[in-house]
Every structure is written in structure tokens, then in C-alpha cells.
N, C-alpha and C. Protein backbone atom coordinates (compact mmCIF):
# COMPACT_ATOMS: atom_id res chain seq x y z
N MET A 1 67.53 -10.79 -136.12
CA MET A 1 68.94 -10.55 -136.46
C MET A 1 68.97 -12.23 -136.54
N LYS A 2 68.65 -13.26 -136.73
CA LYS A 2 68.92 -14.43 -137.53
C LYS A 2 68.73 -14.01 -138.94
N THR A 3 68.01 -13.55 -139.40
CA THR A 3 67.81 -13.11 -140.65
C THR A 3 68.97 -12.75 -141.50
N LEU A 4 69.57 -11.02 -140.66
CA LEU A 4 70.45 -10.38 -141.23
C LEU A 4 71.56 -11.46 -141.10
N VAL A 5 71.67 -12.16 -140.15
CA VAL A 5 73.59 -13.14 -140.30
C VAL A 5 73.10 -14.38 -141.43
N ASN A 6 72.52 -14.77 -141.43
CA ASN A 6 71.89 -15.84 -142.81
C ASN A 6 72.03 -14.73 -144.51
N ALA A 7 72.11 -13.82 -144.56
CA ALA A 7 71.57 -13.05 -145.36
C ALA A 7 73.09 -12.48 -145.66
N LEU A 8 73.73 -11.91 -144.53
CA LEU A 8 75.59 -11.64 -144.69
C LEU A 8 76.34 -12.81 -145.04
N LEU A 9 76.01 -14.03 -144.41
CA LEU A 9 76.51 -15.56 -144.82
C LEU A 9 76.50 -16.09 -146.14
N ARG A 10 75.17 -15.62 -146.56
CA ARG A 10 75.33 -15.84 -148.72
C ARG A 10 75.68 -15.01 -149.17
N LEU A 11 76.02 -13.36 -148.49
CA LEU A 11 76.87 -13.12 -149.10
C LEU A 11 77.77 -13.07 -148.84
N ILE A 12 78.81 -13.63 -148.28
CA ILE A 12 80.20 -14.28 -148.27
C ILE A 12 80.40 -15.21 -149.28
N GLU A 13 79.39 -15.88 -149.21
CA GLU A 13 79.39 -17.23 -150.31
C GLU A 13 79.60 -17.13 -151.63
N ILE A 14 78.58 -15.91 -151.47
CA ILE A 14 79.03 -14.99 -153.39
C ILE A 14 79.80 -14.18 -153.52
N ALA A 15 80.75 -14.24 -152.74
CA ALA A 15 81.69 -13.09 -153.07
C ALA A 15 82.52 -14.16 -153.11
N LYS A 16 82.80 -15.63 -152.56
CA LYS A 16 83.83 -15.90 -152.46
C LYS A 16 83.57 -16.60 -154.23
N ILE A 17 82.64 -16.89 -154.49
CA ILE A 17 82.20 -17.65 -155.99
C ILE A 17 83.21 -16.44 -156.68
N LEU A 18 82.84 -15.77 -156.70
CA LEU A 18 82.60 -13.97 -157.39
C LEU A 18 84.21 -13.84 -157.48
N GLY A 19 85.04 -14.38 -156.32
CA GLY A 19 86.79 -14.21 -156.74
C GLY A 19 86.65 -13.62 -155.08
N LEU A 20 86.32 -12.80 -154.50
CA LEU A 20 87.02 -12.58 -153.12
C LEU A 20 87.70 -12.98 -152.86
N ASP A 21 89.42 -12.67 -152.53
CA ASP A 21 89.87 -13.22 -151.42
C ASP A 21 90.23 -13.77 -150.41
N ASP A 22 90.62 -14.97 -150.01
CA ASP A 22 90.32 -15.80 -148.69
C ASP A 22 90.40 -15.07 -147.38
N ARG A 23 91.59 -13.63 -147.78
CA ARG A 23 92.07 -13.23 -146.59
C ARG A 23 90.68 -12.38 -146.03
N ASP A 24 89.82 -11.73 -147.25
CA ASP A 24 89.14 -11.05 -147.12
C ASP A 24 87.80 -11.32 -146.40
N LEU A 25 87.31 -12.70 -147.16
CA LEU A 25 85.87 -13.63 -146.82
C LEU A 25 86.75 -14.18 -144.97
N GLU A 26 87.41 -14.31 -144.38
CA GLU A 26 87.77 -14.59 -143.05
C GLU A 26 87.67 -13.42 -142.45
N ASN A 27 87.84 -11.96 -142.31
CA ASN A 27 87.52 -11.61 -142.07
C ASN A 27 86.28 -10.76 -142.06
N ALA A 28 85.88 -10.63 -142.91
CA ALA A 28 84.63 -10.69 -143.15
C ALA A 28 83.44 -11.99 -141.68
N LYS A 29 83.96 -13.66 -142.11
CA LYS A 29 83.93 -14.26 -141.00
C LYS A 29 83.50 -13.46 -139.98
N GLU A 30 84.93 -13.34 -139.31
CA GLU A 30 84.98 -12.92 -138.36
C GLU A 30 83.93 -11.92 -137.39
N PHE A 31 84.24 -10.79 -138.32
CA PHE A 31 83.37 -10.16 -137.59
C PHE A 31 82.38 -10.02 -137.95
N LEU A 32 81.54 -11.03 -138.77
CA LEU A 32 80.32 -11.60 -138.01
C LEU A 32 79.86 -12.14 -137.09
N MET A 33 80.99 -13.12 -136.20
CA MET A 33 80.92 -14.10 -135.51
C MET A 33 81.03 -13.56 -134.18
N HIS A 34 81.78 -12.02 -134.39
CA HIS A 34 81.57 -11.12 -132.96
C HIS A 34 80.35 -10.52 -133.22
N ASN A 35 79.65 -10.60 -134.19
CA ASN A 35 77.85 -9.12 -134.43
C ASN A 35 78.49 -8.48 -134.43
N GLU A 36 79.07 -8.29 -135.42
CA GLU A 36 80.10 -7.02 -136.23
C GLU A 36 79.64 -6.73 -137.19
N PHE A 37 78.25 -6.60 -137.73
CA PHE A 37 77.55 -7.04 -138.79
C PHE A 37 77.94 -5.79 -140.28
N GLY A 38 77.91 -4.62 -139.60
CA GLY A 38 78.03 -3.28 -140.11
C GLY A 38 79.59 -3.77 -140.96
N LEU A 39 81.02 -4.04 -139.96
CA LEU A 39 82.14 -4.38 -140.58
C LEU A 39 82.23 -5.28 -141.26
N CYS A 40 81.43 -6.21 -141.54
CA CYS A 40 81.08 -7.51 -141.99
C CYS A 40 80.76 -7.37 -143.68
N PHE A 41 79.70 -6.21 -143.69
CA PHE A 41 79.60 -5.75 -145.04
C PHE A 41 80.03 -4.39 -145.83
N ASP A 42 80.51 -4.10 -144.92
CA ASP A 42 81.96 -3.30 -145.43
C ASP A 42 82.94 -3.99 -145.98
N THR A 43 83.70 -5.30 -144.55
CA THR A 43 84.46 -5.45 -145.72
C THR A 43 84.21 -5.86 -146.96
N ILE A 44 83.01 -6.78 -147.30
CA ILE A 44 82.79 -7.38 -148.68
C ILE A 44 82.66 -6.46 -149.25
N ILE A 45 82.04 -5.32 -149.20
CA ILE A 45 81.04 -4.59 -150.51
C ILE A 45 82.67 -3.69 -150.72
N THR A 46 83.95 -3.34 -149.70
CA THR A 46 84.14 -2.16 -150.09
C THR A 46 85.45 -3.12 -150.86
N GLN A 47 86.13 -4.28 -150.13
CA GLN A 47 87.11 -5.34 -150.72
C GLN A 47 86.45 -5.53 -152.55
N MET A 48 85.33 -5.77 -152.46
CA MET A 48 85.25 -6.49 -154.28
C MET A 48 85.08 -5.31 -154.72
N TYR A 49 85.23 -3.85 -154.72
CA TYR A 49 84.70 -2.84 -154.89
C TYR A 49 86.63 -2.30 -155.04
N GLU A 50 87.34 -2.88 -154.07
CA GLU A 50 88.66 -2.40 -154.62
C GLU A 50 89.57 -3.54 -155.95
N TYR A 51 89.02 -4.61 -155.58
CA TYR A 51 89.99 -5.61 -156.96
C TYR A 51 88.72 -5.56 -157.89
N ASP A 52 87.55 -4.88 -158.08
CA ASP A 52 87.29 -4.06 -159.40
C ASP A 52 86.18 -5.42 -159.62
N ILE A 53 85.54 -6.53 -158.56
CA ILE A 53 84.88 -8.19 -158.99
C ILE A 53 83.29 -7.46 -159.66
N GLU A 54 83.63 -7.91 -160.48
CA GLU A 54 82.12 -7.89 -161.10
C GLU A 54 80.83 -8.59 -160.46
N ILE A 55 79.81 -7.87 -160.87
CA ILE A 55 78.74 -8.70 -160.01
C ILE A 55 77.47 -8.40 -160.96
N ASP A 56 76.41 -9.20 -160.49
CA ASP A 56 75.25 -8.89 -161.65
C ASP A 56 73.95 -8.39 -160.67
N ASN A 57 72.61 -8.01 -161.68
CA ASN A 57 71.89 -7.43 -160.74
C ASN A 57 71.20 -8.10 -159.37
N ASP A 58 71.75 -9.11 -159.53
CA ASP A 58 70.70 -10.19 -157.98
C ASP A 58 71.79 -9.89 -157.04
N PHE A 59 73.16 -9.73 -157.41
CA PHE A 59 73.74 -9.33 -156.24
C PHE A 59 74.03 -8.48 -155.51
N TYR A 60 73.29 -6.97 -156.80
CA TYR A 60 73.66 -5.70 -155.73
C TYR A 60 72.15 -5.43 -155.33
N GLU A 61 71.16 -6.25 -155.75
CA GLU A 61 69.43 -6.19 -155.01
C GLU A 61 70.00 -6.86 -153.34
N SER A 62 71.01 -7.90 -153.61
CA SER A 62 70.86 -8.59 -152.07
C SER A 62 71.91 -7.59 -151.23
N ILE A 63 72.32 -7.41 -151.86
CA ILE A 63 73.07 -5.58 -151.51
C ILE A 63 72.44 -4.60 -150.91
N SER A 64 71.22 -4.12 -151.59
CA SER A 64 71.04 -3.30 -150.88
C SER A 64 69.74 -3.58 -150.01
N LYS A 65 69.30 -4.97 -150.26
CA LYS A 65 68.51 -5.31 -148.71
C LYS A 65 68.97 -5.65 -147.70
N ILE A 66 70.58 -6.39 -147.53
CA ILE A 66 71.23 -6.02 -146.60
C ILE A 66 71.76 -4.43 -145.55
N GLY A 67 71.87 -3.82 -146.96
CA GLY A 67 72.08 -2.57 -146.19
C GLY A 67 70.42 -1.90 -145.94
N GLU A 68 69.62 -2.06 -146.66
CA GLU A 68 67.94 -1.24 -145.94
C GLU A 68 67.97 -2.26 -144.37
N ARG A 69 68.12 -3.66 -144.26
CA ARG A 69 67.94 -3.62 -142.97
C ARG A 69 68.60 -3.53 -142.06
N MET A 70 69.91 -2.95 -141.87
CA MET A 70 70.65 -2.66 -141.27
C MET A 70 70.19 -0.69 -141.50
N ASN A 71 69.45 -0.30 -141.98
CA ASN A 71 69.97 0.88 -141.76
C ASN A 71 70.28 2.38 -142.69
N LEU A 72 71.21 1.34 -143.34
CA LEU A 72 71.87 2.41 -143.82
C LEU A 72 71.12 3.28 -145.04
N LYS A 73 72.09 4.03 -145.33
CA LYS A 73 71.58 5.36 -146.18
C LYS A 73 72.61 4.25 -147.77
N GLN A 74 71.23 4.49 -148.83
CA GLN A 74 71.93 4.28 -149.78
C GLN A 74 73.17 4.20 -150.45
N GLU A 75 73.70 5.50 -150.25
CA GLU A 75 74.68 5.98 -150.87
C GLU A 75 76.21 5.43 -150.31
N SER A 76 75.73 4.50 -148.70
CA SER A 76 76.96 3.80 -148.85
C SER A 76 77.26 2.70 -148.75
N TYR A 77 76.15 1.94 -150.17
CA TYR A 77 77.05 1.16 -151.39
C TYR A 77 76.25 0.57 -152.50
N SER A 78 76.15 1.98 -152.65
CA SER A 78 75.78 2.65 -154.40
C SER A 78 76.56 2.56 -154.81
N PHE A 79 77.64 2.66 -154.45
CA PHE A 79 78.71 2.40 -155.64
C PHE A 79 78.97 1.12 -156.01
N MET A 80 78.58 0.08 -155.57
CA MET A 80 78.74 -1.27 -156.22
C MET A 80 77.69 -1.25 -157.55
N LYS A 81 76.93 -0.43 -157.80
CA LYS A 81 76.05 -0.60 -158.90
C LYS A 81 77.21 -0.50 -160.23
N GLU A 82 78.82 -0.02 -160.19
CA GLU A 82 79.66 0.41 -160.71
C GLU A 82 80.02 -0.80 -161.29
N LEU A 83 79.62 -1.69 -160.49
CA LEU A 83 80.55 -3.37 -160.97
C LEU A 83 79.89 -3.93 -161.48
N ILE A 84 78.31 -3.66 -161.44
CA ILE A 84 77.40 -4.49 -162.24
C ILE A 84 77.70 -4.77 -163.60
N ARG A 85 78.25 -5.49 -163.84
CA ARG A 85 78.55 -6.40 -165.44
C ARG A 85 76.92 -6.59 -166.46
N ASP A 86 77.54 -6.29 -167.51
CA ASP A 86 77.06 -6.25 -168.77
C ASP A 86 76.69 -7.74 -169.09
N GLU A 87 74.62 -7.82 -169.24
CA GLU A 87 74.46 -9.30 -168.75
C GLU A 87 74.96 -10.24 -170.49
N SER A 88 75.43 -9.92 -171.11
CA SER A 88 76.07 -10.70 -172.33
C SER A 88 77.54 -11.13 -172.34
N ASN A 89 78.35 -10.51 -171.26
CA ASN A 89 79.84 -10.55 -171.40
C ASN A 89 79.42 -11.64 -169.62
N VAL A 90 81.13 -12.45 -170.52
CA VAL A 90 81.43 -14.05 -169.09
C VAL A 90 82.28 -12.60 -167.79
N PRO A 91 82.06 -12.91 -167.09
CA PRO A 91 82.28 -12.44 -165.70
C PRO A 91 83.84 -13.26 -165.90
N LYS A 92 84.74 -12.16 -165.29
CA LYS A 92 86.61 -12.70 -165.27
C LYS A 92 86.75 -13.84 -164.27
N PRO A 93 86.30 -14.14 -163.47
CA PRO A 93 86.89 -14.92 -162.40
C PRO A 93 85.97 -16.57 -162.88
N VAL A 94 84.70 -16.24 -164.03
CA VAL A 94 84.27 -17.50 -164.64
C VAL A 94 85.43 -17.82 -165.74
N LYS A 95 85.75 -16.87 -166.51
CA LYS A 95 86.65 -17.42 -167.93
C LYS A 95 87.73 -17.75 -167.17
N ASP A 96 88.36 -17.21 -166.29
CA ASP A 96 89.67 -17.51 -165.64
C ASP A 96 89.50 -19.56 -165.37
N GLU A 97 88.64 -19.41 -164.95
CA GLU A 97 87.86 -20.82 -164.25
C GLU A 97 88.06 -21.48 -165.46
N LEU A 98 87.49 -21.11 -166.32
CA LEU A 98 86.98 -22.23 -167.56
C LEU A 98 88.33 -22.00 -168.50
N ALA A 99 89.43 -21.10 -168.35
CA ALA A 99 90.96 -21.46 -169.13
C ALA A 99 91.80 -22.21 -168.21
N ARG A 100 91.62 -22.32 -166.59
CA ARG A 100 91.95 -23.33 -165.78
C ARG A 100 91.91 -24.67 -166.31
N ILE A 101 90.55 -24.91 -167.12
CA ILE A 101 89.91 -26.65 -166.61
C ILE A 101 90.13 -26.41 -167.90
N ILE A 102 89.94 -26.03 -169.31
CA ILE A 102 90.65 -26.41 -170.68
C ILE A 102 91.78 -26.22 -170.57
N ALA A 103 93.01 -25.90 -169.95
CA ALA A 103 94.24 -26.01 -169.89
C ALA A 103 94.65 -27.33 -169.34
N GLY A 104 93.24 -27.37 -168.11
CA GLY A 104 94.31 -29.27 -167.87
C GLY A 104 93.26 -30.36 -168.46
N LEU A 105 92.63 -30.27 -169.56
CA LEU A 105 92.19 -30.98 -170.04
C LEU A 105 93.52 -30.99 -171.43
N ILE A 106 93.93 -30.31 -172.07
CA ILE A 106 94.73 -30.18 -172.69
C ILE A 106 95.95 -30.86 -171.92
N GLU A 107 96.83 -30.58 -171.22
CA GLU A 107 98.11 -31.45 -170.90
C GLU A 107 98.18 -32.80 -171.30
């Protein structure tokens, strides 16, 4: 169980870096605190999908491993494959952050 908790915490942290809303992150953490692992996992992936947050293959692999560990059917998380970005493109959250940094340098 500790391994699952750690994997979900890592998923939450990466989701934060990728741009998931603080409210959704807090909801996921709250579910995790109350051992609601399925709700935690579902909150992260559903909200990332709803907000069209791009992911990479490594992140999808993490989702898949957690899903397997939780004995979930692949169909319950495979929709996340749609969010895997083209490796030659810079993700939108990274572009936005770079634009913010550059704008700060120009001011």
C-alpha cells in the first residue's frame, strides 16, 4: 500500500508541474489522505483530460502502472493516450512559463 501511496503522490506532483489546477490537486490529495486511492487516481486523470493537459509517454506509463497496481481495466485510463504530445513539440505549460519569464526580463 505504501508503494501505491508514493506512486500517487508522484503522479500528483507531476500533474502539478504539467499545469493541473490547485483545486483539483488538493481534491486528489484529500482523497489520498483518506485512503480513497481510486478517487485520487480518477481525479487526477479525469481533470487532466478535461483540461487537455499534454503528457509524455513516461507519464502515461506511470498512469498505466498505477492502474495495473489498482487492478483497473486498461479501458478506465487508456483515454489518456490521447494527451500524449509529439516529442518534437514543447508542452503548452512550458511555453506559458517561458513566456512569463521572458516578459519579466523585458520589463
